[in-house]
């Protein structure tokens, strides 16, 4: 399952999974830097940045925005 980073503050990271469920976790649960829009997967007890899925979703969002705002 994938988790999208909804927002990040000083102490917490808010995640939303593919089913639409959300969870808020403390930052120490994450290795490295995470930012809003990143897509993570949970493997072997930790959240890992999935760069391919992040890029694919950002590209899809950009396509949808382009279609929405085309004249």
N, C-alpha and C. Protein backbone atom coordinates (compact mmCIF):
# COMPACT_ATOMS: atom_id res chain seq x y z
N UNK A 1 0.84 -1.17 0.00
CA UNK A 1 0.00 0.00 0.00
C UNK A 1 0.89 1.23 0.00
N UNK A 2 0.40 2.26 -0.68
CA UNK A 2 1.12 3.53 -0.74
C UNK A 2 0.48 4.53 0.21
N UNK A 3 1.30 5.46 0.67
CA UNK A 3 0.87 6.54 1.55
C UNK A 3 1.36 7.85 0.97
N UNK A 4 0.46 8.81 0.80
CA UNK A 4 0.84 10.15 0.33
C UNK A 4 1.06 11.03 1.54
N UNK A 5 2.10 11.84 1.48
CA UNK A 5 2.35 12.80 2.55
C UNK A 5 1.47 14.01 2.29
N UNK A 6 0.52 14.24 3.19
CA UNK A 6 -0.40 15.36 3.05
C UNK A 6 0.24 16.65 3.53
N UNK A 7 0.83 16.59 4.70
CA UNK A 7 1.52 17.77 5.23
C UNK A 7 2.57 17.35 6.26
N UNK A 8 3.49 18.26 6.49
CA UNK A 8 4.58 18.02 7.42
C UNK A 8 4.75 19.27 8.27
N UNK A 9 4.87 19.09 9.57
CA UNK A 9 5.22 20.23 10.42
C UNK A 9 6.43 19.86 11.26
N UNK A 10 6.72 20.64 12.26
CA UNK A 10 7.92 20.42 13.05
C UNK A 10 7.96 19.05 13.72
N UNK A 11 6.81 18.55 14.17
CA UNK A 11 6.78 17.30 14.92
C UNK A 11 6.09 16.14 14.21
N UNK A 12 5.14 16.45 13.31
CA UNK A 12 4.29 15.40 12.77
C UNK A 12 4.27 15.36 11.25
N UNK A 13 3.96 14.16 10.73
CA UNK A 13 3.74 13.95 9.30
C UNK A 13 2.34 13.36 9.18
N UNK A 14 1.49 13.99 8.35
CA UNK A 14 0.14 13.50 8.11
C UNK A 14 0.15 12.71 6.80
N UNK A 15 -0.28 11.44 6.90
CA UNK A 15 -0.30 10.55 5.75
C UNK A 15 -1.73 10.21 5.36
N UNK A 16 -1.93 9.95 4.07
CA UNK A 16 -3.20 9.48 3.57
C UNK A 16 -2.91 8.24 2.72
N UNK A 17 -3.58 7.12 3.04
CA UNK A 17 -3.32 5.90 2.26
C UNK A 17 -4.24 5.83 1.05
N UNK A 18 -4.07 4.80 0.23
CA UNK A 18 -4.83 4.67 -1.01
C UNK A 18 -6.33 4.46 -0.77
N UNK A 19 -6.70 4.08 0.44
CA UNK A 19 -8.12 3.90 0.78
C UNK A 19 -8.75 5.19 1.30
N UNK A 20 -7.93 6.24 1.46
CA UNK A 20 -8.43 7.51 1.97
C UNK A 20 -8.32 7.67 3.46
N UNK A 21 -7.79 6.66 4.15
CA UNK A 21 -7.59 6.75 5.59
C UNK A 21 -6.37 7.59 5.90
N UNK A 22 -6.43 8.35 6.98
CA UNK A 22 -5.31 9.21 7.34
C UNK A 22 -4.70 8.76 8.66
N UNK A 23 -3.46 9.09 8.82
CA UNK A 23 -2.78 8.86 10.10
C UNK A 23 -1.73 9.94 10.28
N UNK A 24 -1.51 10.29 11.52
CA UNK A 24 -0.53 11.30 11.88
C UNK A 24 0.55 10.63 12.72
N UNK A 25 1.78 10.73 12.26
CA UNK A 25 2.90 10.09 12.94
C UNK A 25 3.97 11.13 13.26
N UNK A 26 4.71 10.86 14.29
CA UNK A 26 5.84 11.74 14.62
C UNK A 26 6.94 11.60 13.57
N UNK A 27 7.67 12.67 13.37
CA UNK A 27 8.71 12.71 12.33
C UNK A 27 9.79 11.67 12.52
N UNK A 28 10.06 11.26 13.74
CA UNK A 28 11.16 10.31 13.95
C UNK A 28 10.87 8.94 13.34
N UNK A 29 9.63 8.70 12.89
CA UNK A 29 9.30 7.44 12.23
C UNK A 29 9.82 7.39 10.78
N UNK A 30 10.33 8.49 10.30
CA UNK A 30 10.73 8.59 8.89
C UNK A 30 12.22 8.84 8.77
N UNK A 31 12.81 8.13 7.83
CA UNK A 31 14.23 8.33 7.56
C UNK A 31 14.37 9.40 6.48
N UNK A 32 15.27 10.32 6.70
CA UNK A 32 15.52 11.35 5.71
C UNK A 32 14.41 12.39 5.68
N UNK A 33 14.46 13.21 4.67
CA UNK A 33 13.51 14.31 4.51
C UNK A 33 12.25 13.83 3.80
N UNK A 34 11.10 14.18 4.31
CA UNK A 34 9.84 13.93 3.63
C UNK A 34 9.13 15.27 3.47
N UNK A 35 8.40 15.40 2.36
CA UNK A 35 7.68 16.65 2.12
C UNK A 35 6.31 16.35 1.54
N UNK A 36 5.43 17.31 1.61
CA UNK A 36 4.07 17.14 1.09
C UNK A 36 4.14 16.72 -0.37
N UNK A 37 3.34 15.73 -0.71
CA UNK A 37 3.31 15.22 -2.07
C UNK A 37 4.15 13.98 -2.30
N UNK A 38 5.06 13.69 -1.40
CA UNK A 38 5.86 12.47 -1.52
C UNK A 38 4.96 11.25 -1.35
N UNK A 39 5.33 10.17 -2.01
CA UNK A 39 4.60 8.91 -1.88
C UNK A 39 5.54 7.90 -1.22
N UNK A 40 5.05 7.28 -0.16
CA UNK A 40 5.83 6.34 0.63
C UNK A 40 5.19 4.96 0.57
N UNK A 41 5.99 3.96 0.82
CA UNK A 41 5.45 2.61 1.02
C UNK A 41 5.99 2.12 2.37
N UNK A 42 5.23 1.22 2.98
CA UNK A 42 5.61 0.70 4.30
C UNK A 42 6.16 -0.69 4.11
N UNK A 43 7.44 -0.85 4.41
CA UNK A 43 8.12 -2.14 4.25
C UNK A 43 9.01 -2.40 5.46
N UNK A 44 8.95 -3.59 5.95
CA UNK A 44 9.81 -4.05 7.04
C UNK A 44 9.82 -3.07 8.21
N UNK A 45 8.61 -2.57 8.54
CA UNK A 45 8.47 -1.73 9.71
C UNK A 45 8.86 -0.28 9.55
N UNK A 46 9.08 0.18 8.31
CA UNK A 46 9.42 1.59 8.14
C UNK A 46 8.85 2.13 6.84
N UNK A 47 8.71 3.45 6.79
CA UNK A 47 8.21 4.13 5.60
C UNK A 47 9.39 4.49 4.71
N UNK A 48 9.26 4.16 3.43
CA UNK A 48 10.33 4.38 2.47
C UNK A 48 9.80 5.22 1.31
N UNK A 49 10.53 6.24 0.93
CA UNK A 49 10.16 7.07 -0.21
C UNK A 49 10.17 6.23 -1.48
N UNK A 50 9.08 6.28 -2.24
CA UNK A 50 9.00 5.60 -3.53
C UNK A 50 9.08 6.68 -4.61
N UNK A 51 10.29 6.91 -5.12
CA UNK A 51 10.52 7.99 -6.07
C UNK A 51 9.76 7.80 -7.38
N UNK A 52 9.66 6.56 -7.84
CA UNK A 52 8.94 6.30 -9.09
C UNK A 52 7.46 6.60 -8.95
N UNK A 53 6.85 6.15 -7.88
CA UNK A 53 5.42 6.40 -7.67
C UNK A 53 5.16 7.89 -7.44
N UNK A 54 6.05 8.55 -6.73
CA UNK A 54 5.92 9.99 -6.52
C UNK A 54 5.94 10.72 -7.86
N UNK A 55 6.90 10.39 -8.71
CA UNK A 55 7.01 11.04 -10.02
C UNK A 55 5.79 10.73 -10.89
N UNK A 56 5.32 9.50 -10.87
CA UNK A 56 4.17 9.11 -11.69
C UNK A 56 2.92 9.88 -11.25
N UNK A 57 2.72 10.00 -9.96
CA UNK A 57 1.54 10.71 -9.47
C UNK A 57 1.63 12.20 -9.74
N UNK A 58 2.80 12.77 -9.60
CA UNK A 58 2.96 14.20 -9.92
C UNK A 58 2.71 14.46 -11.40
N UNK A 59 3.18 13.55 -12.24
CA UNK A 59 2.95 13.69 -13.68
C UNK A 59 1.45 13.60 -13.99
N UNK A 60 0.77 12.65 -13.36
CA UNK A 60 -0.67 12.49 -13.58
C UNK A 60 -1.44 13.73 -13.11
N UNK A 61 -1.06 14.29 -11.99
CA UNK A 61 -1.70 15.50 -11.49
C UNK A 61 -1.47 16.66 -12.46
N UNK A 62 -0.26 16.76 -12.97
CA UNK A 62 0.04 17.82 -13.94
C UNK A 62 -0.81 17.67 -15.20
N UNK A 63 -0.98 16.44 -15.68
CA UNK A 63 -1.82 16.19 -16.85
C UNK A 63 -3.27 16.61 -16.57
N UNK A 64 -3.78 16.26 -15.40
CA UNK A 64 -5.14 16.64 -15.05
C UNK A 64 -5.31 18.15 -14.97
N UNK A 65 -4.32 18.84 -14.41
CA UNK A 65 -4.36 20.30 -14.35
C UNK A 65 -4.35 20.90 -15.75
N UNK A 66 -3.51 20.36 -16.62
CA UNK A 66 -3.44 20.87 -17.98
C UNK A 66 -4.78 20.69 -18.70
N UNK A 67 -5.41 19.53 -18.52
CA UNK A 67 -6.71 19.28 -19.14
C UNK A 67 -7.77 20.21 -18.58
N UNK A 68 -7.73 20.45 -17.30
CA UNK A 68 -8.72 21.29 -16.63
C UNK A 68 -8.63 22.74 -17.11
N UNK A 69 -7.42 23.23 -17.29
CA UNK A 69 -7.24 24.64 -17.60
C UNK A 69 -7.02 24.91 -19.09
N UNK A 70 -7.12 23.89 -19.94
CA UNK A 70 -7.02 24.12 -21.38
C UNK A 70 -8.23 24.90 -21.85
N UNK A 71 -7.99 25.71 -22.85
CA UNK A 71 -9.12 26.48 -23.40
C UNK A 71 -9.46 25.95 -24.76
